[in-house]
C-alpha atoms as a PDB file:
ATOM      1  CA  MET A   1      65.825  -2.510  37.184  1.00  0.00           C
ATOM      2  CA  LEU A   2      65.715  -6.116  36.021  1.00  0.00           C
ATOM      3  CA  THR A   3      63.380  -7.230  33.260  1.00  0.00           C
ATOM      4  CA  ASP A   4      61.019 -10.151  33.820  1.00  0.00           C
ATOM      5  CA  GLU A   5      63.255 -12.272  31.574  1.00  0.00           C
ATOM      6  CA  GLN A   6      66.322 -11.410  33.672  1.00  0.00           C
ATOM      7  CA  LYS A   7      64.426 -12.236  36.863  1.00  0.00           C
ATOM      8  CA  LEU A   8      63.325 -15.584  35.394  1.00  0.00           C
ATOM      9  CA  TRP A   9      66.885 -16.489  34.388  1.00  0.00           C
ATOM     10  CA  GLY A  10      68.176 -15.402  37.788  1.00  0.00           C
ATOM     11  CA  ILE A  11      65.641 -17.495  39.679  1.00  0.00           C
ATOM     12  CA  TRP A  12      66.193 -20.497  37.411  1.00  0.00           C
ATOM     13  CA  GLY A  13      69.952 -20.193  37.882  1.00  0.00           C
ATOM     14  CA  GLN A  14      69.548 -19.877  41.637  1.00  0.00           C
ATOM     15  CA  SER A  15      67.421 -23.037  41.735  1.00  0.00           C
ATOM     16  CA  ASN A  16      70.007 -24.970  39.722  1.00  0.00           C
ATOM     17  CA  GLY A  17      72.726 -23.594  41.985  1.00  0.00           C
ATOM     18  CA  LEU A  18      70.902 -24.770  45.095  1.00  0.00           C
ATOM     19  CA  TYR A  19      70.563 -28.319  43.734  1.00  0.00           C
ATOM     20  CA  SER A  20      74.192 -28.282  42.639  1.00  0.00           C
ATOM     21  CA  ALA A  21      75.278 -27.106  46.101  1.00  0.00           C
ATOM     22  CA  TRP A  22      73.168 -29.828  47.742  1.00  0.00           C
ATOM     23  CA  ALA A  23      74.844 -32.491  45.585  1.00  0.00           C
ATOM     24  CA  ALA A  24      78.312 -31.075  46.251  1.00  0.00           C
ATOM     25  CA  SER A  25      77.688 -31.003  50.011  1.00  0.00           C
ATOM     26  CA  ARG A  26      77.133 -34.766  49.827  1.00  0.00           C
ATOM     27  CA  ASN A  27      80.028 -35.423  47.462  1.00  0.00           C
ATOM     28  CA  ILE A  28      77.613 -36.476  44.730  1.00  0.00           C
ATOM     29  CA  ASN A  29      78.147 -35.591  41.089  1.00  0.00           C
ATOM     30  CA  TYR A  30      75.353 -33.188  40.087  1.00  0.00           C
ATOM     31  CA  TYR A  31      74.590 -35.058  36.849  1.00  0.00           C
ATOM     32  CA  LEU A  32      74.515 -38.380  38.685  1.00  0.00           C
ATOM     33  CA  MET A  33      72.064 -36.902  41.180  1.00  0.00           C
ATOM     34  CA  LEU A  34      69.776 -35.673  38.376  1.00  0.00           C
ATOM     35  CA  VAL A  35      69.758 -39.046  36.629  1.00  0.00           C
ATOM     36  CA  LEU A  36      69.137 -41.000  39.844  1.00  0.00           C
ATOM     37  CA  TYR A  37      66.434 -38.537  40.894  1.00  0.00           C
ATOM     38  CA  THR A  38      64.746 -39.080  37.529  1.00  0.00           C
ATOM     39  CA  LEU A  39      65.024 -42.886  37.648  1.00  0.00           C
ATOM     40  CA  ASP A  40      63.995 -43.163  41.294  1.00  0.00           C
ATOM     41  CA  GLY A  41      60.539 -44.711  41.552  1.00  0.00           C
ATOM     42  CA  GLN A  42      60.328 -45.495  37.816  1.00  0.00           C
ATOM     43  CA  LYS A  43      60.110 -48.984  36.352  1.00  0.00           C
ATOM     44  CA  SER A  44      62.409 -47.982  33.518  1.00  0.00           C
ATOM     45  CA  MET A  45      63.095 -45.114  31.131  1.00  0.00           C
ATOM     46  CA  THR A  46      64.926 -44.608  27.884  1.00  0.00           C
ATOM     47  CA  GLN A  47      68.012 -42.432  27.842  1.00  0.00           C
ATOM     48  CA  LYS A  48      66.103 -40.045  25.572  1.00  0.00           C
ATOM     49  CA  LYS A  49      63.383 -39.670  28.210  1.00  0.00           C
ATOM     50  CA  ILE A  50      66.025 -39.081  30.895  1.00  0.00           C
ATOM     51  CA  CYS A  51      67.490 -36.318  28.689  1.00  0.00           C
ATOM     52  CA  ILE A  52      64.050 -34.711  28.386  1.00  0.00           C
ATOM     53  CA  CYS A  53      63.367 -34.909  32.118  1.00  0.00           C
ATOM     54  CA  THR A  54      66.760 -33.586  33.196  1.00  0.00           C
ATOM     55  CA  GLY A  55      67.706 -31.225  30.388  1.00  0.00           C
ATOM     56  CA  LEU A  56      71.058 -33.007  30.133  1.00  0.00           C
ATOM     57  CA  THR A  57      72.682 -33.822  26.821  1.00  0.00           C
ATOM     58  CA  LYS A  58      72.591 -37.310  25.352  1.00  0.00           C
ATOM     59  CA  GLN A  59      76.351 -37.608  25.857  1.00  0.00           C
ATOM     60  CA  THR A  60      76.148 -36.649  29.539  1.00  0.00           C
ATOM     61  CA  VAL A  61      73.288 -39.048  30.251  1.00  0.00           C
ATOM     62  CA  ASN A  62      75.067 -41.818  28.364  1.00  0.00           C
ATOM     63  CA  SER A  63      78.218 -41.241  30.416  1.00  0.00           C
ATOM     64  CA  VAL A  64      76.301 -41.338  33.721  1.00  0.00           C
ATOM     65  CA  ILE A  65      74.372 -44.461  32.665  1.00  0.00           C
ATOM     66  CA  ARG A  66      77.603 -46.195  31.596  1.00  0.00           C
ATOM     67  CA  SER A  67      79.123 -45.421  34.999  1.00  0.00           C
ATOM     68  CA  LEU A  68      76.016 -46.649  36.839  1.00  0.00           C
ATOM     69  CA  LYS A  69      76.017 -49.831  34.744  1.00  0.00           C
ATOM     70  CA  GLU A  70      79.680 -50.515  35.570  1.00  0.00           C
ATOM     71  CA  GLU A  71      78.843 -50.193  39.281  1.00  0.00           C
ATOM     72  CA  GLY A  72      75.916 -52.602  38.915  1.00  0.00           C
ATOM     73  CA  TYR A  73      73.300 -49.930  39.693  1.00  0.00           C
ATOM     74  CA  VAL A  74      71.413 -50.098  36.388  1.00  0.00           C
ATOM     75  CA  GLU A  75      70.748 -52.578  33.639  1.00  0.00           C
ATOM     76  CA  LEU A  76      69.874 -51.870  30.023  1.00  0.00           C
ATOM     77  CA  ILE A  77      66.884 -53.750  28.640  1.00  0.00           C
ATOM     78  CA  PRO A  78      66.011 -53.820  24.923  1.00  0.00           C
ATOM     79  CA  GLY A  79      62.819 -51.897  24.171  1.00  0.00           C
ATOM     80  CA  CYS A  80      59.620 -53.720  23.220  1.00  0.00           C
ATOM     81  CA  GLU A  81      58.961 -51.750  20.042  1.00  0.00           C
ATOM     82  CA  ASP A  82      62.526 -50.847  19.083  1.00  0.00           C
ATOM     83  CA  ARG A  83      65.116 -53.248  20.467  1.00  0.00           C
ATOM     84  CA  ARG A  84      67.880 -50.737  19.683  1.00  0.00           C
ATOM     85  CA  GLU A  85      66.363 -48.273  22.145  1.00  0.00           C
ATOM     86  CA  LYS A  86      67.361 -49.545  25.576  1.00  0.00           C
ATOM     87  CA  GLN A  87      65.307 -49.079  28.709  1.00  0.00           C
ATOM     88  CA  VAL A  88      67.388 -48.054  31.735  1.00  0.00           C
ATOM     89  CA  LYS A  89      66.283 -49.860  34.876  1.00  0.00           C
ATOM     90  CA  LEU A  90      67.661 -49.604  38.388  1.00  0.00           C
ATOM     91  CA  THR A  91      68.864 -52.938  39.772  1.00  0.00           C
ATOM     92  CA  GLU A  92      68.090 -53.895  43.385  1.00  0.00           C
ATOM     93  CA  LYS A  93      71.522 -52.546  44.304  1.00  0.00           C
ATOM     94  CA  GLY A  94      70.727 -49.393  42.321  1.00  0.00           C
ATOM     95  CA  ILE A  95      67.375 -48.917  44.039  1.00  0.00           C
ATOM     96  CA  GLY A  96      69.083 -48.951  47.433  1.00  0.00           C
ATOM     97  CA  TYR A  97      71.801 -46.583  46.246  1.00  0.00           C
ATOM     98  CA  SER A  98      69.291 -44.232  44.641  1.00  0.00           C
ATOM     99  CA  ARG A  99      67.036 -44.158  47.687  1.00  0.00           C
ATOM    100  CA  ARG A 100      69.948 -43.359  50.007  1.00  0.00           C
ATOM    101  CA  LEU A 101      70.859 -40.387  47.817  1.00  0.00           C
ATOM    102  CA  VAL A 102      67.452 -39.183  46.663  1.00  0.00           C
ATOM    103  CA  ALA A 103      65.317 -39.632  49.806  1.00  0.00           C
ATOM    104  CA  PRO A 104      67.040 -36.831  51.785  1.00  0.00           C
ATOM    105  CA  LEU A 105      66.650 -34.457  48.830  1.00  0.00           C
ATOM    106  CA  ARG A 106      62.967 -35.311  48.425  1.00  0.00           C
ATOM    107  CA  GLU A 107      62.485 -34.755  52.170  1.00  0.00           C
ATOM    108  CA  LEU A 108      64.126 -31.331  51.931  1.00  0.00           C
ATOM    109  CA  GLU A 109      61.935 -30.427  48.950  1.00  0.00           C
ATOM    110  CA  SER A 110      58.854 -31.655  50.798  1.00  0.00           C
ATOM    111  CA  ARG A 111      59.619 -29.433  53.786  1.00  0.00           C
ATOM    112  CA  ALA A 112      60.112 -26.400  51.526  1.00  0.00           C
ATOM    113  CA  LEU A 113      56.861 -27.092  49.645  1.00  0.00           C
ATOM    114  CA  THR A 114      54.951 -27.569  52.904  1.00  0.00           C
ATOM    115  CA  ILE A 115      56.226 -24.226  54.180  1.00  0.00           C
ATOM    116  CA  MET A 116      55.170 -22.588  50.884  1.00  0.00           C
ATOM    117  CA  GLY A 117      51.662 -23.989  51.212  1.00  0.00           C
ATOM    118  CA  SER A 118      49.613 -25.962  48.718  1.00  0.00           C
ATOM    119  CA  ASP A 119      48.025 -22.907  47.043  1.00  0.00           C
ATOM    120  CA  ARG A 120      51.402 -21.331  46.213  1.00  0.00           C
ATOM    121  CA  VAL A 121      52.808 -24.670  45.072  1.00  0.00           C
ATOM    122  CA  LYS A 122      49.832 -25.202  42.755  1.00  0.00           C
ATOM    123  CA  GLN A 123      50.230 -21.675  41.344  1.00  0.00           C
ATOM    124  CA  MET A 124      53.958 -22.229  40.821  1.00  0.00           C
ATOM    125  CA  VAL A 125      53.414 -25.548  39.036  1.00  0.00           C
ATOM    126  CA  ASP A 126      50.584 -24.144  36.904  1.00  0.00           C
ATOM    127  CA  ASN A 127      52.623 -21.076  35.926  1.00  0.00           C
ATOM    128  CA  ILE A 128      55.750 -23.045  35.030  1.00  0.00           C
ATOM    129  CA  ALA A 129      53.653 -25.521  33.015  1.00  0.00           C
ATOM    130  CA  LEU A 130      51.964 -22.649  31.185  1.00  0.00           C
ATOM    131  CA  PHE A 131      55.302 -20.971  30.440  1.00  0.00           C
ATOM    132  CA  ASN A 132      56.758 -24.259  29.143  1.00  0.00           C
ATOM    133  CA  THR A 133      53.731 -24.849  26.898  1.00  0.00           C
ATOM    134  CA  ILE A 134      53.810 -21.343  25.435  1.00  0.00           C
ATOM    135  CA  PHE A 135      57.599 -21.303  25.086  1.00  0.00           C
ATOM    136  CA  GLY A 136      57.560 -24.744  23.431  1.00  0.00           C
ATOM    137  CA  ASN A 137      54.840 -23.640  21.015  1.00  0.00           C
ATOM    138  CA  GLU A 138      56.845 -20.532  20.103  1.00  0.00           C
ATOM    139  CA  MET A 139      59.941 -22.665  19.551  1.00  0.00           C
ATOM    140  CA  GLU A 140      57.955 -25.000  17.285  1.00  0.00           C
ATOM    141  CA  LYS A 141      56.859 -22.009  15.197  1.00  0.00           C
ATOM    142  CA  GLU A 142      60.543 -21.281  14.591  1.00  0.00           C
ATOM    143  CA  ASN A 143      61.311 -24.970  14.014  1.00  0.00           C
ATOM    144  CA  ALA A 144      63.713 -24.702  16.938  1.00  0.00           C
ATOM    145  CA  LEU A 145      62.215 -27.578  18.939  1.00  0.00           C
ATOM    146  CA  ASP A 146      63.183 -31.151  18.162  1.00  0.00           C
ATOM    147  CA  LYS A 147      59.981 -33.115  17.434  1.00  0.00           C
ATOM    148  CA  ASN A 148      61.231 -35.895  19.744  1.00  0.00           C
ATOM    149  CA  TRP A 149      61.583 -33.511  22.674  1.00  0.00           C
ATOM    150  CA  LYS A 150      57.926 -33.357  23.696  1.00  0.00           C
ATOM    151  CA  GLN A 151      57.177 -35.298  26.859  1.00  0.00           C
ATOM    152  CA  ASP A 152      54.507 -37.996  26.917  1.00  0.00           C
END
């Protein structure tokens, strides 16, 4: 019989696998999809914030951003407070590209969430948020959580 921890890891892995399979079925790099999904609808974000939102490493995000910049899909804007920290912003070309890739995924997610029903979705969101808060607090107690990791 599986423990709760094993079930959690299994479900988390299955979710990641489903998103990876969706990206592969559209010949999209999984990491590219995650970064575009995160940037879609945002004015701009730092690479650090993209790392936090996606769980990707700084090196992976930097590589994806560099590729997107070369294609003319993003621009890097110096930050207001720290000019060394660049804001990543989709260009007009990038907005169109992102929407073509992300809109079908958001539609698929929307259909799944509608089928689940708003009560179950709220419970799922509340439970994941609670787990993340408790887990993050426990990590902080062990000094295992980077102080910069916390989301705004």
